[in-house]
Protein backbone atom coordinates (compact mmCIF):
# COMPACT_ATOMS: atom_id res chain seq x y z
CA MET A 1 13.67 -11.15 29.24
CA THR A 2 15.36 -9.66 31.64
CA GLN A 3 15.56 -5.52 31.66
CA ALA A 4 18.39 -3.68 31.76
CA PRO A 5 17.61 -1.16 33.51
CA SER A 6 20.77 1.57 32.22
CA THR A 7 19.31 1.56 28.73
CA PRO A 8 16.37 3.91 28.51
CA TYR A 9 15.21 2.48 25.34
CA LEU A 10 13.71 -0.48 27.43
CA GLY A 11 11.58 1.89 29.74
CA PRO A 12 8.99 3.10 30.89
CA LEU A 13 7.71 3.89 27.43
CA HIS A 14 10.13 1.42 25.13
CA ARG A 15 9.97 -1.50 27.87
CA PRO A 16 9.48 -4.81 25.62
CA VAL A 17 7.03 -7.39 25.73
CA GLY A 18 7.41 -10.94 26.54
CA GLU A 19 4.50 -12.99 25.62
CA GLU A 20 2.47 -13.19 22.51
CA LEU A 21 -1.67 -12.51 22.95
CA THR A 22 -4.80 -13.35 21.21
CA VAL A 23 -7.52 -11.40 23.32
CA SER A 24 -10.93 -10.77 21.62
CA SER A 25 -13.87 -8.93 22.53
CA LEU A 26 -11.90 -5.87 23.82
CA LYS A 27 -13.04 -2.92 25.82
CA VAL A 28 -14.63 -0.17 24.13
CA GLN A 29 -15.08 3.44 25.21
CA GLY A 30 -17.76 5.42 23.12
CA GLU A 31 -18.72 3.72 20.05
CA LEU A 32 -16.70 1.91 16.98
CA PRO A 33 -18.19 3.24 13.97
CA ALA A 34 -19.82 -0.17 12.08
CA GLU A 35 -18.23 0.85 8.67
CA LEU A 36 -14.93 0.59 10.14
CA SER A 37 -13.40 -2.63 9.38
CA GLY A 38 -10.04 -4.47 9.23
CA VAL A 39 -6.64 -4.44 10.47
CA PHE A 40 -4.37 -1.37 12.51
CA ALA A 41 -1.00 -3.00 12.21
CA ARG A 42 1.77 -1.50 13.72
CA ASN A 43 5.72 -2.58 13.73
CA SER A 44 8.34 -2.21 16.74
CA GLY A 45 11.59 -3.05 18.23
CA ASN A 46 11.00 -5.63 20.54
CA PRO A 47 13.96 -7.81 21.88
CA GLN A 48 13.42 -11.52 22.81
CA PHE A 49 16.86 -11.46 24.59
CA GLU A 50 18.81 -9.16 26.72
CA PRO A 51 20.62 -7.31 24.72
CA ALA A 52 24.26 -7.82 24.30
CA GLY A 53 25.38 -4.52 24.98
CA ARG A 54 24.17 -1.18 25.36
CA TYR A 55 20.65 -1.13 23.63
CA HIS A 56 19.42 1.17 20.87
CA TRP A 57 15.72 1.66 20.19
CA PHE A 58 16.43 0.43 16.63
CA ASP A 59 17.74 -2.78 17.58
CA GLY A 60 15.10 -4.98 18.76
CA ASP A 61 13.06 -7.83 16.83
CA GLY A 62 10.08 -6.84 14.94
CA MET A 63 7.21 -7.26 16.48
CA ILE A 64 3.56 -6.79 15.06
CA HIS A 65 0.88 -5.26 17.24
CA ALA A 66 -2.43 -5.70 15.39
CA LEU A 67 -6.15 -4.42 16.13
CA HIS A 68 -8.33 -6.40 13.86
CA LEU A 69 -11.79 -4.25 13.97
CA GLU A 70 -14.98 -5.59 12.73
CA GLY A 71 -18.80 -5.19 13.61
CA GLY A 72 -18.05 -2.54 16.51
CA GLU A 73 -16.04 -5.49 17.66
CA ALA A 74 -11.56 -5.40 18.69
CA THR A 75 -9.37 -8.32 18.55
CA TYR A 76 -6.22 -7.73 19.41
CA ARG A 77 -2.66 -9.53 18.64
CA ASN A 78 0.59 -9.34 18.78
CA ARG A 79 3.62 -11.59 17.22
CA TRP A 80 6.82 -11.92 16.99
CA VAL A 81 8.57 -11.40 13.07
CA ARG A 82 10.73 -14.30 13.01
CA THR A 83 13.23 -13.36 10.52
CA PRO A 84 16.19 -15.72 9.72
CA ALA A 85 17.98 -13.88 12.85
CA PHE A 86 15.05 -14.10 15.25
CA THR A 87 15.00 -18.12 14.40
CA ARG A 88 18.93 -17.92 14.85
CA GLU A 89 19.05 -16.41 18.14
CA ARG A 90 15.99 -18.56 19.72
CA GLU A 91 17.67 -21.88 18.77
CA ALA A 92 20.79 -20.07 20.66
CA GLY A 93 18.86 -18.82 23.51
CA ARG A 94 20.53 -15.81 23.27
CA ALA A 95 21.20 -12.81 21.94
CA LEU A 96 23.70 -12.93 19.12
CA TRP A 97 24.37 -9.71 17.86
CA PRO A 98 25.55 -6.90 19.29
CA GLY A 99 22.80 -3.60 18.70
CA LEU A 100 24.05 0.48 17.29
CA LEU A 101 25.78 1.41 19.72
CA GLU A 102 28.25 -1.27 20.20
CA PRO A 103 31.10 -2.52 17.67
CA LEU A 104 30.31 -4.22 14.68
CA ASP A 105 31.55 -8.21 15.35
CA PRO A 106 33.11 -9.22 11.64
CA SER A 107 32.51 -13.02 12.66
CA LEU A 108 28.50 -12.42 12.41
CA GLN A 109 27.02 -13.04 9.08
CA PRO A 110 25.76 -11.06 8.10
CA PRO A 111 27.31 -8.30 9.81
CA ILE A 112 24.30 -5.88 10.99
CA LYS A 113 20.83 -8.15 12.47
CA ASP A 114 18.13 -8.03 9.97
CA THR A 115 15.17 -7.48 12.09
CA ALA A 116 12.36 -6.23 10.10
CA ASN A 117 11.68 -3.88 12.37
CA THR A 118 10.38 -0.52 10.75
CA ASP A 119 7.83 -0.62 8.50
CA VAL A 120 5.12 -2.50 7.70
CA ILE A 121 3.09 -2.36 4.09
CA TRP A 122 0.20 -4.25 2.31
CA HIS A 123 0.87 -5.64 -1.12
CA ASN A 124 -0.04 -8.14 -2.88
CA GLY A 125 -2.31 -9.63 -0.33
CA GLN A 126 0.52 -10.17 1.94
CA LEU A 127 1.75 -7.87 5.08
CA LEU A 128 5.58 -6.88 4.60
CA ALA A 129 7.40 -5.82 7.59
CA THR A 130 10.80 -3.98 6.51
CA TRP A 131 14.07 -2.67 8.14
CA TRP A 132 15.43 0.87 7.95
CA LEU A 133 18.90 -0.55 7.27
CA SER A 134 17.48 -2.47 3.89
CA GLY A 135 17.17 -6.35 4.36
CA THR A 136 14.80 -8.87 3.63
CA PRO A 137 11.21 -7.98 3.55
CA MET A 138 9.48 -10.48 6.01
CA ALA A 139 6.03 -11.66 4.48
CA LEU A 140 3.31 -12.01 7.38
CA SER A 141 -0.54 -12.93 6.59
CA LEU A 142 -3.73 -11.19 8.22
CA PRO A 143 -5.16 -11.40 10.42
CA GLU A 144 -3.57 -14.09 12.21
CA LEU A 145 -0.08 -12.38 11.99
CA GLU A 146 1.97 -15.93 10.63
CA THR A 147 5.35 -14.86 9.59
CA LEU A 148 4.94 -16.83 6.11
CA GLY A 149 8.90 -16.20 5.18
CA PRO A 150 11.18 -14.13 3.38
CA CYS A 151 9.33 -12.14 0.29
CA THR A 152 12.12 -11.89 -2.48
CA PHE A 153 10.22 -10.36 -5.27
CA GLY A 154 9.84 -13.75 -7.42
CA GLY A 155 13.45 -14.24 -6.56
CA LYS A 156 15.04 -10.94 -7.67
CA LEU A 157 15.36 -8.92 -4.64
CA PRO A 158 18.59 -7.15 -5.52
CA TRP A 159 21.43 -7.43 -3.44
CA GLN A 160 21.19 -4.30 -1.42
CA GLY A 161 17.38 -5.23 -0.15
CA CYS A 162 14.80 -3.40 0.23
CA ALA A 163 14.16 -0.83 2.84
CA ALA A 164 11.76 0.14 4.87
CA HIS A 165 8.82 2.90 3.01
CA PRO A 166 8.82 1.23 -0.20
CA LYS A 167 5.01 2.84 -1.43
CA VAL A 168 2.25 1.14 -3.29
CA CYS A 169 0.58 3.27 -6.19
CA PRO A 170 -3.01 3.07 -5.70
CA ARG A 171 -3.63 3.35 -9.27
CA THR A 172 -1.58 0.24 -10.24
CA GLY A 173 -1.03 -1.63 -7.35
CA GLU A 174 2.71 -1.68 -8.19
CA LEU A 175 5.16 -1.72 -5.30
CA LEU A 176 8.38 1.11 -5.60
CA PHE A 177 11.21 0.24 -3.56
CA PHE A 178 14.53 1.41 -3.09
CA GLY A 179 17.81 -0.61 -1.21
CA TYR A 180 21.05 0.42 -0.79
CA SER A 181 24.14 -0.76 1.17
CA LEU A 182 26.58 1.00 3.08
CA PHE A 183 29.63 -1.04 2.05
CA LYS A 184 29.93 -2.01 -1.40
CA LYS A 185 29.08 -0.09 -4.55
CA PRO A 186 26.48 0.27 -6.29
CA TYR A 187 25.56 1.42 -3.01
CA TYR A 188 21.91 2.56 -4.09
CA VAL A 189 19.10 0.56 -6.28
CA TYR A 190 15.67 1.69 -7.56
CA GLY A 191 13.08 -0.98 -8.15
CA VAL A 192 9.51 -1.74 -9.43
CA VAL A 193 7.44 -4.90 -8.11
CA GLY A 194 4.27 -5.52 -10.19
CA ALA A 195 1.05 -5.84 -8.45
CA ASP A 196 1.66 -9.78 -8.36
CA GLY A 197 4.56 -9.35 -6.70
CA GLN A 198 6.99 -9.89 -9.49
CA LEU A 199 9.96 -7.20 -10.03
CA THR A 200 9.68 -5.90 -12.90
CA HIS A 201 12.29 -3.55 -12.92
CA ALA A 202 15.80 -2.59 -11.18
CA VAL A 203 17.60 0.05 -11.53
CA GLU A 204 21.40 0.27 -9.91
CA LEU A 205 22.51 4.06 -9.34
CA ASP A 206 26.55 4.77 -8.88
CA LEU A 207 25.93 7.53 -6.08
CA PRO A 208 29.28 9.50 -4.81
CA ARG A 209 29.66 8.12 -1.54
CA PRO A 210 27.39 5.71 0.83
CA HIS A 211 24.80 7.24 2.91
CA VAL A 212 21.64 6.63 4.72
CA PRO A 213 18.62 7.19 3.14
CA HIS A 214 15.02 6.44 4.87
CA ASP A 215 12.17 7.45 2.46
CA VAL A 216 11.59 8.39 -1.22
CA ALA A 217 7.56 9.60 -2.66
CA ILE A 218 6.01 8.32 -5.97
CA THR A 219 3.55 10.53 -8.66
CA GLU A 220 1.61 9.41 -11.53
CA HIS A 221 4.77 8.93 -13.67
CA TYR A 222 8.15 9.23 -11.53
CA THR A 223 9.66 8.51 -8.37
CA VAL A 224 11.53 11.26 -5.64
CA LEU A 225 14.55 9.62 -4.49
CA MET A 226 16.52 11.51 -2.00
CA ASP A 227 20.99 11.50 -1.51
CA LEU A 228 20.65 13.01 2.16
CA PRO A 229 24.33 13.26 3.58
CA LEU A 230 23.54 11.32 6.86
CA GLY A 231 25.26 8.28 7.18
CA TYR A 232 28.04 5.99 9.02
CA ASP A 233 31.43 7.61 9.84
CA LEU A 234 33.86 5.99 7.35
CA GLY A 235 36.85 6.41 9.42
CA ALA A 236 35.00 5.21 12.30
CA LEU A 237 33.92 1.92 10.58
CA LYS A 238 37.13 0.84 9.84
CA GLN A 239 37.51 0.56 13.12
CA GLY A 240 34.70 -1.24 14.21
CA LYS A 241 32.38 1.41 15.72
CA ARG A 242 29.33 2.82 14.56
CA LYS A 243 28.85 6.82 14.72
CA ILE A 244 26.43 8.49 12.54
CA GLY A 245 27.54 11.95 10.91
CA PHE A 246 26.23 14.40 8.98
CA ASP A 247 28.44 16.08 6.13
CA ARG A 248 26.82 19.62 6.20
CA SER A 249 29.53 20.37 2.74
CA TYR A 250 27.32 18.18 1.21
CA PRO A 251 24.05 19.41 -0.62
CA ALA A 252 20.73 17.68 -0.36
CA ARG A 253 20.16 15.97 -3.58
CA PHE A 254 16.70 14.88 -4.79
CA GLY A 255 16.68 12.51 -8.01
CA ILE A 256 13.84 12.31 -10.14
CA ILE A 257 13.06 9.32 -12.22
CA PRO A 258 10.67 8.21 -14.53
CA ARG A 259 8.97 4.90 -12.99
CA HIS A 260 10.10 2.65 -15.34
CA GLY A 261 13.01 4.92 -16.32
CA ALA A 262 17.20 3.79 -16.67
CA ALA A 263 20.06 4.95 -14.23
CA ASP A 264 20.93 7.81 -17.15
CA GLU A 265 17.31 9.01 -16.91
CA VAL A 266 17.50 10.50 -13.31
CA ARG A 267 17.76 14.23 -12.74
CA TRP A 268 19.36 15.27 -9.85
CA PHE A 269 18.79 18.56 -8.10
CA GLU A 270 20.71 20.08 -5.23
CA LEU A 271 19.80 21.88 -2.43
CA PRO A 272 20.80 23.14 0.81
CA THR A 273 21.77 20.55 2.65
CA CYS A 274 19.20 18.93 5.07
CA TYR A 275 17.68 15.41 6.32
CA VAL A 276 14.28 13.76 5.41
CA TYR A 277 12.77 10.94 7.63
CA HIS A 278 9.68 10.49 5.66
CA THR A 279 8.02 12.09 2.98
CA ILE A 280 3.72 13.28 2.96
CA ASN A 281 3.19 13.12 -0.91
CA ALA A 282 4.62 14.15 -4.57
CA HIS A 283 2.01 14.56 -7.08
CA GLU A 284 3.07 16.58 -10.91
CA GLU A 285 1.72 20.04 -12.27
CA GLY A 286 2.82 20.93 -15.43
CA ASP A 287 6.72 20.73 -15.61
CA GLU A 288 7.22 20.49 -11.77
CA VAL A 289 7.04 17.80 -9.73
CA VAL A 290 6.06 18.96 -5.80
CA LEU A 291 7.49 17.08 -3.15
CA THR A 292 5.76 17.33 0.48
CA ALA A 293 7.54 16.03 3.58
CA CYS A 294 9.27 16.67 7.30
CA ARG A 295 12.67 18.46 6.83
CA ILE A 296 14.98 18.69 9.40
CA GLU A 297 17.79 21.01 8.92
CA ASP A 298 20.58 19.79 10.82
CA PRO A 299 20.22 16.01 12.29
CA VAL A 300 23.44 16.10 14.21
CA PRO A 301 24.06 19.31 15.94
CA ALA A 302 27.79 20.40 15.79
CA ALA A 303 27.40 21.68 18.88
CA GLY A 304 25.25 19.05 20.00
CA LEU A 305 21.99 18.29 21.41
CA GLN A 306 19.85 21.30 23.41
CA GLU A 307 19.41 20.54 26.91
CA GLY A 308 15.12 19.12 26.70
CA ALA A 309 15.21 18.59 22.90
CA ALA A 310 13.32 15.83 21.01
CA ARG A 311 15.83 13.36 19.85
CA LEU A 312 16.85 9.73 18.92
CA ASP A 313 20.46 9.10 20.97
CA ALA A 314 22.59 11.64 19.39
CA ILE A 315 20.42 12.41 16.98
CA SER A 316 17.93 15.92 16.91
CA LEU A 317 14.50 15.72 16.29
CA GLU A 318 13.32 18.86 14.91
CA PRO A 319 11.79 18.36 11.80
CA TYR A 320 9.24 20.74 10.13
CA LEU A 321 6.47 20.66 7.03
CA TYR A 322 8.37 21.40 4.40
CA ARG A 323 7.33 21.90 0.34
CA TRP A 324 10.20 21.56 -2.66
CA ARG A 325 9.10 22.60 -5.93
CA PHE A 326 11.37 20.40 -9.11
CA ASN A 327 10.93 21.99 -12.58
CA LEU A 328 11.88 18.95 -15.01
CA ALA A 329 11.86 21.73 -17.76
CA THR A 330 13.98 24.21 -16.20
CA GLY A 331 15.99 22.49 -13.88
CA GLU A 332 15.51 25.02 -11.46
CA ALA A 333 14.73 23.64 -7.75
CA LYS A 334 13.18 25.68 -4.60
CA GLY A 335 11.52 25.22 -1.02
CA GLU A 336 9.55 26.29 1.56
CA GLN A 337 9.01 25.87 5.18
CA LEU A 338 4.81 25.69 5.90
CA ASP A 339 4.73 25.46 9.75
CA ASP A 340 6.89 26.26 12.98
CA VAL A 341 5.73 23.12 14.80
CA VAL A 342 7.41 20.44 15.12
CA THR A 343 6.22 16.89 13.46
CA GLU A 344 7.04 13.55 12.35
CA PHE A 345 5.58 10.16 10.59
CA PRO A 346 3.03 11.81 8.79
CA ARG A 347 0.08 10.25 7.10
CA ALA A 348 -2.42 10.75 4.63
CA ASN A 349 -5.28 8.87 2.79
CA ASP A 350 -3.20 6.59 0.91
CA ALA A 351 -5.65 5.89 -1.97
CA TRP A 352 -5.14 9.64 -3.01
CA LEU A 353 -1.11 9.23 -3.28
CA THR A 354 0.38 10.75 -6.10
CA GLN A 355 -2.49 12.92 -6.23
CA PRO A 356 -2.60 17.24 -5.08
CA LEU A 357 -4.03 15.61 -2.07
CA ARG A 358 -5.22 18.27 0.66
CA TYR A 359 -4.44 16.94 3.97
CA SER A 360 -2.09 15.49 6.24
CA TYR A 361 -2.25 13.95 9.48
CA ASN A 362 0.78 14.47 11.15
CA PRO A 363 1.97 13.31 15.11
CA ARG A 364 3.35 16.26 16.97
CA VAL A 365 6.56 16.05 18.47
CA ALA A 366 6.84 16.01 22.26
CA PRO A 367 9.22 17.77 24.10
CA LEU A 368 10.92 14.72 25.37
CA GLU A 369 14.54 13.59 25.26
CA ASP A 370 12.71 11.08 23.59
CA LEU A 371 10.67 10.24 20.01
CA SER A 372 6.82 9.96 20.83
CA PHE A 373 4.02 11.75 20.15
CA ASP A 374 1.45 13.94 22.23
CA GLY A 375 -0.72 15.31 19.70
CA ILE A 376 -1.85 15.12 15.91
CA VAL A 377 -2.24 18.21 13.55
CA LYS A 378 -4.18 17.87 10.83
CA TYR A 379 -2.89 20.18 7.90
CA ASP A 380 -4.60 21.90 5.14
CA LEU A 381 -1.71 21.53 2.25
CA GLU A 382 -4.02 23.49 -0.31
CA ARG A 383 -5.30 26.34 1.81
CA GLY A 384 -3.06 26.39 4.86
CA GLY A 385 -4.05 25.68 8.54
CA SER A 386 -4.32 23.30 10.73
CA THR A 387 -6.60 21.55 13.23
CA VAL A 388 -4.91 20.03 16.10
CA HIS A 389 -6.37 16.98 18.64
CA ASP A 390 -3.77 17.05 21.92
CA TYR A 391 -3.50 14.01 23.33
CA ALA A 392 -4.18 13.54 27.14
CA PRO A 393 -1.83 14.14 29.62
CA GLY A 394 0.94 11.62 30.31
CA TRP A 395 -0.13 10.02 26.99
CA PHE A 396 1.92 9.54 24.03
CA GLY A 397 1.07 8.24 20.63
CA GLY A 398 3.47 7.03 17.43
CA GLU A 399 2.11 7.10 13.90
CA VAL A 400 -1.24 7.83 12.66
CA LEU A 401 -2.93 5.89 9.93
CA TYR A 402 -6.20 7.01 7.86
CA ALA A 403 -9.43 4.37 7.65
CA PRO A 404 -11.13 5.34 4.68
CA ARG A 405 -14.99 5.27 4.91
CA PRO A 406 -16.16 2.69 2.59
CA GLY A 407 -18.35 4.95 -0.31
CA GLY A 408 -16.83 7.78 0.63
CA GLU A 409 -15.83 10.44 -1.79
CA ASP A 410 -13.89 13.07 0.24
CA GLU A 411 -9.83 12.91 0.85
CA ASP A 412 -10.81 13.22 4.63
CA ASP A 413 -14.11 11.29 4.81
CA GLY A 414 -12.90 8.40 7.38
CA TRP A 415 -11.12 8.20 10.75
CA VAL A 416 -7.70 8.68 12.21
CA LEU A 417 -6.43 5.66 14.14
CA SER A 418 -3.68 5.57 16.65
CA VAL A 419 -2.16 3.61 19.45
CA LEU A 420 -1.42 5.48 22.88
CA SER A 421 0.67 4.43 25.83
CA HIS A 422 0.61 5.89 29.49
CA VAL A 423 4.12 7.26 30.92
CA ASP A 424 3.10 6.30 34.40
CA GLU A 425 0.43 3.44 33.81
CA PRO A 426 0.50 0.67 32.39
CA ALA A 427 -1.99 0.52 29.78
CA SER A 428 -2.14 1.09 26.38
CA LYS A 429 -5.20 2.08 24.12
CA LEU A 430 -6.14 2.22 20.57
CA VAL A 431 -7.93 6.01 19.95
CA VAL A 432 -10.35 6.24 16.82
CA LEU A 433 -10.95 10.43 15.58
CA ASP A 434 -13.18 11.39 12.55
CA ALA A 435 -11.07 12.25 9.98
CA LYS A 436 -12.72 15.84 9.51
CA GLU A 437 -12.51 17.50 12.77
CA LEU A 438 -10.58 15.43 14.90
CA THR A 439 -12.74 14.66 17.53
CA PRO A 440 -12.89 11.50 19.74
CA LEU A 441 -15.39 8.54 18.35
CA ALA A 442 -13.52 5.18 20.38
CA GLU A 443 -11.49 4.27 22.35
CA VAL A 444 -10.28 0.75 22.65
CA GLU A 445 -8.67 -0.67 26.29
CA LEU A 446 -5.17 -3.19 24.95
CA PRO A 447 -4.92 -5.86 26.86
CA GLN A 448 -1.27 -4.79 28.02
CA ARG A 449 0.68 -1.83 27.44
CA ILE A 450 2.63 -1.95 24.39
CA PRO A 451 6.15 -0.18 23.57
CA LEU A 452 6.76 3.24 21.56
CA GLY A 453 6.89 2.18 18.22
CA PHE A 454 7.23 2.89 14.14
CA HIS A 455 5.19 2.65 11.13
CA ALA A 456 2.19 1.20 10.99
CA GLN A 457 -0.90 0.47 7.89
CA TRP A 458 -4.37 0.16 7.51
CA VAL A 459 -5.52 -2.62 5.89
CA THR A 460 -9.56 -2.94 4.53
CA LEU A 461 -10.18 -7.16 5.05
């Protein structure tokens, strides 16, 4: 594709790639642990054609970049997610849908392009690529990254779709998901998919108004839903414009629903307004549900964005580690900030989700006018304190993943992995760190520089 230099999300760290590669026997500096065997897969926006108008990072077609690690060797693959919209544009030979920064085109169906470019999660033997605006998950094979087709949970996917960030219960294998609509009631749906990929439970929630939720969290018996006042300006939408707004008069509402509960079983808790992009974990302590996440107090500042502050177009990115407690017996809710370092895209040991886990690995937000990370903060959520790993100057990464050591008993007995790219050089690499001390063990050189991406998944094959 031809680069549009006036668009910041096409370079330098965002510059898309145009070729799908399979390259084995990659060069390794240091030594990959012999027990580290699986696939690191990361989703990202990567337009196949020159954008029609102004381009936003969220517009790009989904592309999965994967590192298959086995026996101390590494193989790299990248493949576009072949969504129905991707196929239509490929057949047309050009971009058909305008991006988020352009007016809607009501003649297109759907009017907003479902790119499946946001998250990836492993469930029922398939890698599912999902979309932040709630659409149809796309199933891919591993390690080949072949698009297998839409995943509709046995033909029962709710019309609101499935948004990014569903959760897989490490105990039952169930997938807990949510979907939403900005245009039609009921605006929100919560669902449960069995380990066999079949929808077993779905509940529509009649929320007062449409918002853009981004994540959920699960405990052993409950799911934590969020109704937070970030969303499209409805007046602008009626004019065919898309403008993000944040209603500071609307409280932050957290809904606690039994995993297989009904709509009238949701317990709503109201707290001072905020926004949450990504949760870390939730667990139960007696009558309390405890939620840990990264909290942003004001994602769209009324006074405008400060110069030099991390941002995503018009949205401020100043999230902090935070913990809430919701008492199901008394109805009391409270929260506290746990650190003053700006971090986001947090991940933990997925096998410990729903339990009171101790460690969280949070990428540290770089002081750039962009969403990029210049290091990792490992938090001790039980005893307090943190360990920091700084990336080398000029290198920036995305979400990190935890890969467990086979047979390991400790929560942090494993490795932390992240893909980094250099701001001035055509280079990317996978870094492997010891999860206990964040000490570097190995670096895998990638055959091409890959753009900054969104979310990732570690899969042990």
